Amino acid sequence: MIEVTDLQKIGIGLAGFGVSFLFLGVLFLFDKGLLAIGNLLFLSGLACVIGVQRTFRFFFQRHKVKGTTAFFGGIFVVLLGFPMIGMVIELYGFFVLFSGFFPVAINFLGRVPVLGSVLNAPFIQKLVQKLGGDGNRTTDSTFT
């Protein structure tokens, strides 16, 4: 089992609070204060969980420049006081940055007992295949 350090526990808490503040900011009609606090808490939590150097290397890879620019540009636009436009830009950057992770996450969710049967429903399966990418990358033939 992987041992979690105290700093990583704090980071998980910060990232959790960040996601909560982002959710509340969207729920309260794009409140710029809540969105700004949520963004800052999420980024600081991520840095605590995986480390500052690994966070920096993740965001500033050569092939992720477009996603990083959109993500941090969206945060900057939110901080300037245009929360709806900033969140749209930030969401685009998030999807560009983490699009390589979606097939892994969908493959994992397909193996969870209840969620796997839901994801295999005929009307959801096409969406899952589209989000999951190439079906040949998975070892399980659940979605092919």
C-alpha atoms as a PDB file:
ATOM      1  CA  MET A   1       0.000   0.000   0.000  1.00  0.00           C
ATOM      2  CA  ILE A   2       1.198   3.521  -0.768  1.00  0.00           C
ATOM      3  CA  GLU A   3       2.047   5.622   2.253  1.00  0.00           C
ATOM      4  CA  VAL A   4       0.568   9.110   2.229  1.00  0.00           C
ATOM      5  CA  THR A   5       2.629  11.820   3.894  1.00  0.00           C
ATOM      6  CA  ASP A   6       1.181  14.592   6.014  1.00  0.00           C
ATOM      7  CA  LEU A   7       1.861  17.143   3.256  1.00  0.00           C
ATOM      8  CA  GLN A   8      -0.071  14.996   0.776  1.00  0.00           C
ATOM      9  CA  LYS A   9      -2.982  14.731   3.226  1.00  0.00           C
ATOM     10  CA  ILE A  10      -3.025  18.516   3.491  1.00  0.00           C
ATOM     11  CA  GLY A  11      -2.876  18.734  -0.311  1.00  0.00           C
ATOM     12  CA  ILE A  12      -5.849  16.399  -0.690  1.00  0.00           C
ATOM     13  CA  GLY A  13      -7.786  18.605   1.720  1.00  0.00           C
ATOM     14  CA  LEU A  14      -6.803  21.776  -0.126  1.00  0.00           C
ATOM     15  CA  ALA A  15      -7.720  20.299  -3.503  1.00  0.00           C
ATOM     16  CA  GLY A  16     -11.034  19.069  -2.074  1.00  0.00           C
ATOM     17  CA  PHE A  17     -11.837  22.504  -0.690  1.00  0.00           C
ATOM     18  CA  GLY A  18     -10.798  24.003  -4.033  1.00  0.00           C
ATOM     19  CA  VAL A  19     -13.216  21.796  -5.952  1.00  0.00           C
ATOM     20  CA  SER A  20     -15.939  22.617  -3.389  1.00  0.00           C
ATOM     21  CA  PHE A  21     -15.366  26.344  -3.770  1.00  0.00           C
ATOM     22  CA  LEU A  22     -15.394  26.016  -7.568  1.00  0.00           C
ATOM     23  CA  PHE A  23     -18.687  24.129  -7.374  1.00  0.00           C
ATOM     24  CA  LEU A  24     -20.192  26.732  -5.063  1.00  0.00           C
ATOM     25  CA  GLY A  25     -18.899  29.534  -7.302  1.00  0.00           C
ATOM     26  CA  VAL A  26     -20.676  28.033 -10.302  1.00  0.00           C
ATOM     27  CA  LEU A  27     -23.780  27.273  -8.218  1.00  0.00           C
ATOM     28  CA  PHE A  28     -23.954  30.886  -7.024  1.00  0.00           C
ATOM     29  CA  LEU A  29     -24.060  32.172 -10.616  1.00  0.00           C
ATOM     30  CA  PHE A  30     -20.306  32.443 -11.201  1.00  0.00           C
ATOM     31  CA  ASP A  31     -19.336  34.312  -8.057  1.00  0.00           C
ATOM     32  CA  LYS A  32     -15.843  35.575  -8.844  1.00  0.00           C
ATOM     33  CA  GLY A  33     -14.608  35.451  -5.248  1.00  0.00           C
ATOM     34  CA  LEU A  34     -15.523  31.801  -4.752  1.00  0.00           C
ATOM     35  CA  LEU A  35     -14.116  30.834  -8.158  1.00  0.00           C
ATOM     36  CA  ALA A  36     -10.834  32.638  -7.481  1.00  0.00           C
ATOM     37  CA  ILE A  37     -10.430  30.997  -4.061  1.00  0.00           C
ATOM     38  CA  GLY A  38     -11.348  27.604  -5.548  1.00  0.00           C
ATOM     39  CA  ASN A  39      -8.740  27.927  -8.295  1.00  0.00           C
ATOM     40  CA  LEU A  40      -6.006  28.950  -5.871  1.00  0.00           C
ATOM     41  CA  LEU A  41      -6.850  26.187  -3.392  1.00  0.00           C
ATOM     42  CA  PHE A  42      -6.989  23.542  -6.127  1.00  0.00           C
ATOM     43  CA  LEU A  43      -3.607  24.514  -7.561  1.00  0.00           C
ATOM     44  CA  SER A  44      -1.961  24.686  -4.140  1.00  0.00           C
ATOM     45  CA  GLY A  45      -3.473  21.304  -3.240  1.00  0.00           C
ATOM     46  CA  LEU A  46      -2.161  19.778  -6.447  1.00  0.00           C
ATOM     47  CA  ALA A  47       1.308  21.143  -5.689  1.00  0.00           C
ATOM     48  CA  CYS A  48       1.182  19.639  -2.194  1.00  0.00           C
ATOM     49  CA  VAL A  49       0.014  16.232  -3.409  1.00  0.00           C
ATOM     50  CA  ILE A  50       2.451  15.631  -6.269  1.00  0.00           C
ATOM     51  CA  GLY A  51       5.109  18.208  -5.405  1.00  0.00           C
ATOM     52  CA  VAL A  52       5.926  21.636  -6.750  1.00  0.00           C
ATOM     53  CA  GLN A  53       8.506  20.421  -9.259  1.00  0.00           C
ATOM     54  CA  ARG A  54       6.256  17.698 -10.715  1.00  0.00           C
ATOM     55  CA  THR A  55       3.338  20.149 -10.905  1.00  0.00           C
ATOM     56  CA  PHE A  56       5.536  22.606 -12.765  1.00  0.00           C
ATOM     57  CA  ARG A  57       6.751  19.873 -15.137  1.00  0.00           C
ATOM     58  CA  PHE A  58       3.175  18.706 -15.772  1.00  0.00           C
ATOM     59  CA  PHE A  59       1.861  22.116 -16.756  1.00  0.00           C
ATOM     60  CA  PHE A  60       4.867  23.335 -18.689  1.00  0.00           C
ATOM     61  CA  GLN A  61       5.551  20.485 -21.089  1.00  0.00           C
ATOM     62  CA  ARG A  62       6.090  21.517 -24.692  1.00  0.00           C
ATOM     63  CA  HIS A  63       3.066  19.606 -26.055  1.00  0.00           C
ATOM     64  CA  LYS A  64       0.733  21.006 -23.350  1.00  0.00           C
ATOM     65  CA  VAL A  65       1.407  24.698 -24.018  1.00  0.00           C
ATOM     66  CA  LYS A  66      -2.045  25.357 -25.503  1.00  0.00           C
ATOM     67  CA  GLY A  67      -3.869  23.725 -22.584  1.00  0.00           C
ATOM     68  CA  THR A  68      -1.691  25.372 -19.958  1.00  0.00           C
ATOM     69  CA  THR A  69      -2.123  28.783 -21.553  1.00  0.00           C
ATOM     70  CA  ALA A  70      -5.899  28.380 -21.673  1.00  0.00           C
ATOM     71  CA  PHE A  71      -6.101  27.029 -18.114  1.00  0.00           C
ATOM     72  CA  PHE A  72      -3.998  29.746 -16.505  1.00  0.00           C
ATOM     73  CA  GLY A  73      -5.440  32.387 -18.821  1.00  0.00           C
ATOM     74  CA  GLY A  74      -8.916  31.397 -17.637  1.00  0.00           C
ATOM     75  CA  ILE A  75      -7.822  31.706 -14.017  1.00  0.00           C
ATOM     76  CA  PHE A  76      -6.377  35.140 -14.784  1.00  0.00           C
ATOM     77  CA  VAL A  77      -9.613  36.244 -16.492  1.00  0.00           C
ATOM     78  CA  VAL A  78     -11.589  35.060 -13.428  1.00  0.00           C
ATOM     79  CA  LEU A  79      -9.264  37.055 -11.172  1.00  0.00           C
ATOM     80  CA  LEU A  80      -9.775  40.117 -13.394  1.00  0.00           C
ATOM     81  CA  GLY A  81     -13.516  39.935 -12.740  1.00  0.00           C
ATOM     82  CA  PHE A  82     -15.007  38.144 -15.738  1.00  0.00           C
ATOM     83  CA  PRO A  83     -15.915  34.799 -14.173  1.00  0.00           C
ATOM     84  CA  MET A  84     -18.151  33.287 -16.860  1.00  0.00           C
ATOM     85  CA  ILE A  85     -15.703  33.928 -19.701  1.00  0.00           C
ATOM     86  CA  GLY A  86     -12.789  32.829 -17.520  1.00  0.00           C
ATOM     87  CA  MET A  87     -14.455  29.551 -16.553  1.00  0.00           C
ATOM     88  CA  VAL A  88     -15.175  28.708 -20.187  1.00  0.00           C
ATOM     89  CA  ILE A  89     -11.523  29.336 -21.103  1.00  0.00           C
ATOM     90  CA  GLU A  90     -10.373  27.417 -18.039  1.00  0.00           C
ATOM     91  CA  LEU A  91     -12.654  24.474 -18.832  1.00  0.00           C
ATOM     92  CA  TYR A  92     -11.249  24.289 -22.363  1.00  0.00           C
ATOM     93  CA  GLY A  93      -7.715  24.287 -20.951  1.00  0.00           C
ATOM     94  CA  PHE A  94      -8.649  21.590 -18.441  1.00  0.00           C
ATOM     95  CA  PHE A  95      -9.964  19.309 -21.189  1.00  0.00           C
ATOM     96  CA  VAL A  96      -6.896  19.882 -23.361  1.00  0.00           C
ATOM     97  CA  LEU A  97      -4.541  19.206 -20.429  1.00  0.00           C
ATOM     98  CA  PHE A  98      -6.273  16.092 -19.140  1.00  0.00           C
ATOM     99  CA  SER A  99      -7.564  14.596 -22.410  1.00  0.00           C
ATOM    100  CA  GLY A 100      -4.851  11.926 -22.280  1.00  0.00           C
ATOM    101  CA  PHE A 101      -6.158  10.793 -18.899  1.00  0.00           C
ATOM    102  CA  PHE A 102      -9.776  10.246 -20.012  1.00  0.00           C
ATOM    103  CA  PRO A 103      -9.253   6.769 -21.578  1.00  0.00           C
ATOM    104  CA  VAL A 104      -7.542   5.533 -18.404  1.00  0.00           C
ATOM    105  CA  ALA A 105     -10.305   6.937 -16.181  1.00  0.00           C
ATOM    106  CA  ILE A 106     -13.093   5.510 -18.349  1.00  0.00           C
ATOM    107  CA  ASN A 107     -11.397   2.114 -18.465  1.00  0.00           C
ATOM    108  CA  PHE A 108     -11.157   2.168 -14.659  1.00  0.00           C
ATOM    109  CA  LEU A 109     -14.803   3.235 -14.267  1.00  0.00           C
ATOM    110  CA  GLY A 110     -15.851   0.442 -16.637  1.00  0.00           C
ATOM    111  CA  ARG A 111     -14.394  -2.088 -14.196  1.00  0.00           C
ATOM    112  CA  VAL A 112     -16.328  -0.785 -11.203  1.00  0.00           C
ATOM    113  CA  PRO A 113     -19.252  -3.199 -10.678  1.00  0.00           C
ATOM    114  CA  VAL A 114     -22.265  -0.856 -10.761  1.00  0.00           C
ATOM    115  CA  LEU A 115     -20.777   1.858 -12.981  1.00  0.00           C
ATOM    116  CA  GLY A 116     -19.524  -0.718 -15.496  1.00  0.00           C
ATOM    117  CA  SER A 117     -23.044  -1.966 -16.168  1.00  0.00           C
ATOM    118  CA  VAL A 118     -24.305   1.621 -16.486  1.00  0.00           C
ATOM    119  CA  LEU A 119     -21.520   2.504 -18.927  1.00  0.00           C
ATOM    120  CA  ASN A 120     -22.404  -0.559 -21.036  1.00  0.00           C
ATOM    121  CA  ALA A 121     -25.969   0.659 -21.581  1.00  0.00           C
ATOM    122  CA  PRO A 122     -26.576   1.043 -25.346  1.00  0.00           C
ATOM    123  CA  PHE A 123     -27.349   4.771 -25.273  1.00  0.00           C
ATOM    124  CA  ILE A 124     -24.331   5.573 -23.068  1.00  0.00           C
ATOM    125  CA  GLN A 125     -21.857   3.183 -24.690  1.00  0.00           C
ATOM    126  CA  LYS A 126     -21.332   5.356 -27.792  1.00  0.00           C
ATOM    127  CA  LEU A 127     -20.497   8.382 -25.646  1.00  0.00           C
ATOM    128  CA  VAL A 128     -18.144   6.267 -23.532  1.00  0.00           C
ATOM    129  CA  GLN A 129     -16.360   4.987 -26.633  1.00  0.00           C
ATOM    130  CA  LYS A 130     -16.010   8.525 -27.969  1.00  0.00           C
ATOM    131  CA  LEU A 131     -14.581   9.830 -24.685  1.00  0.00           C
ATOM    132  CA  GLY A 132     -12.481   6.729 -24.114  1.00  0.00           C
ATOM    133  CA  GLY A 133     -10.648   7.027 -27.396  1.00  0.00           C
ATOM    134  CA  ASP A 134      -9.051   4.032 -29.045  1.00  0.00           C
ATOM    135  CA  GLY A 135     -10.468   0.773 -27.745  1.00  0.00           C
ATOM    136  CA  ASN A 136      -7.271  -1.087 -28.648  1.00  0.00           C
ATOM    137  CA  ARG A 137      -5.369   0.588 -25.803  1.00  0.00           C
ATOM    138  CA  THR A 138      -7.367  -1.195 -23.123  1.00  0.00           C
ATOM    139  CA  THR A 139      -6.781  -4.796 -22.110  1.00  0.00           C
ATOM    140  CA  ASP A 140     -10.441  -5.327 -21.312  1.00  0.00           C
ATOM    141  CA  SER A 141     -12.927  -5.818 -24.159  1.00  0.00           C
ATOM    142  CA  THR A 142     -15.777  -4.264 -22.165  1.00  0.00           C
ATOM    143  CA  PHE A 143     -16.243  -1.265 -24.458  1.00  0.00           C
ATOM    144  CA  THR A 144     -15.449  -2.858 -27.849  1.00  0.00           C
END
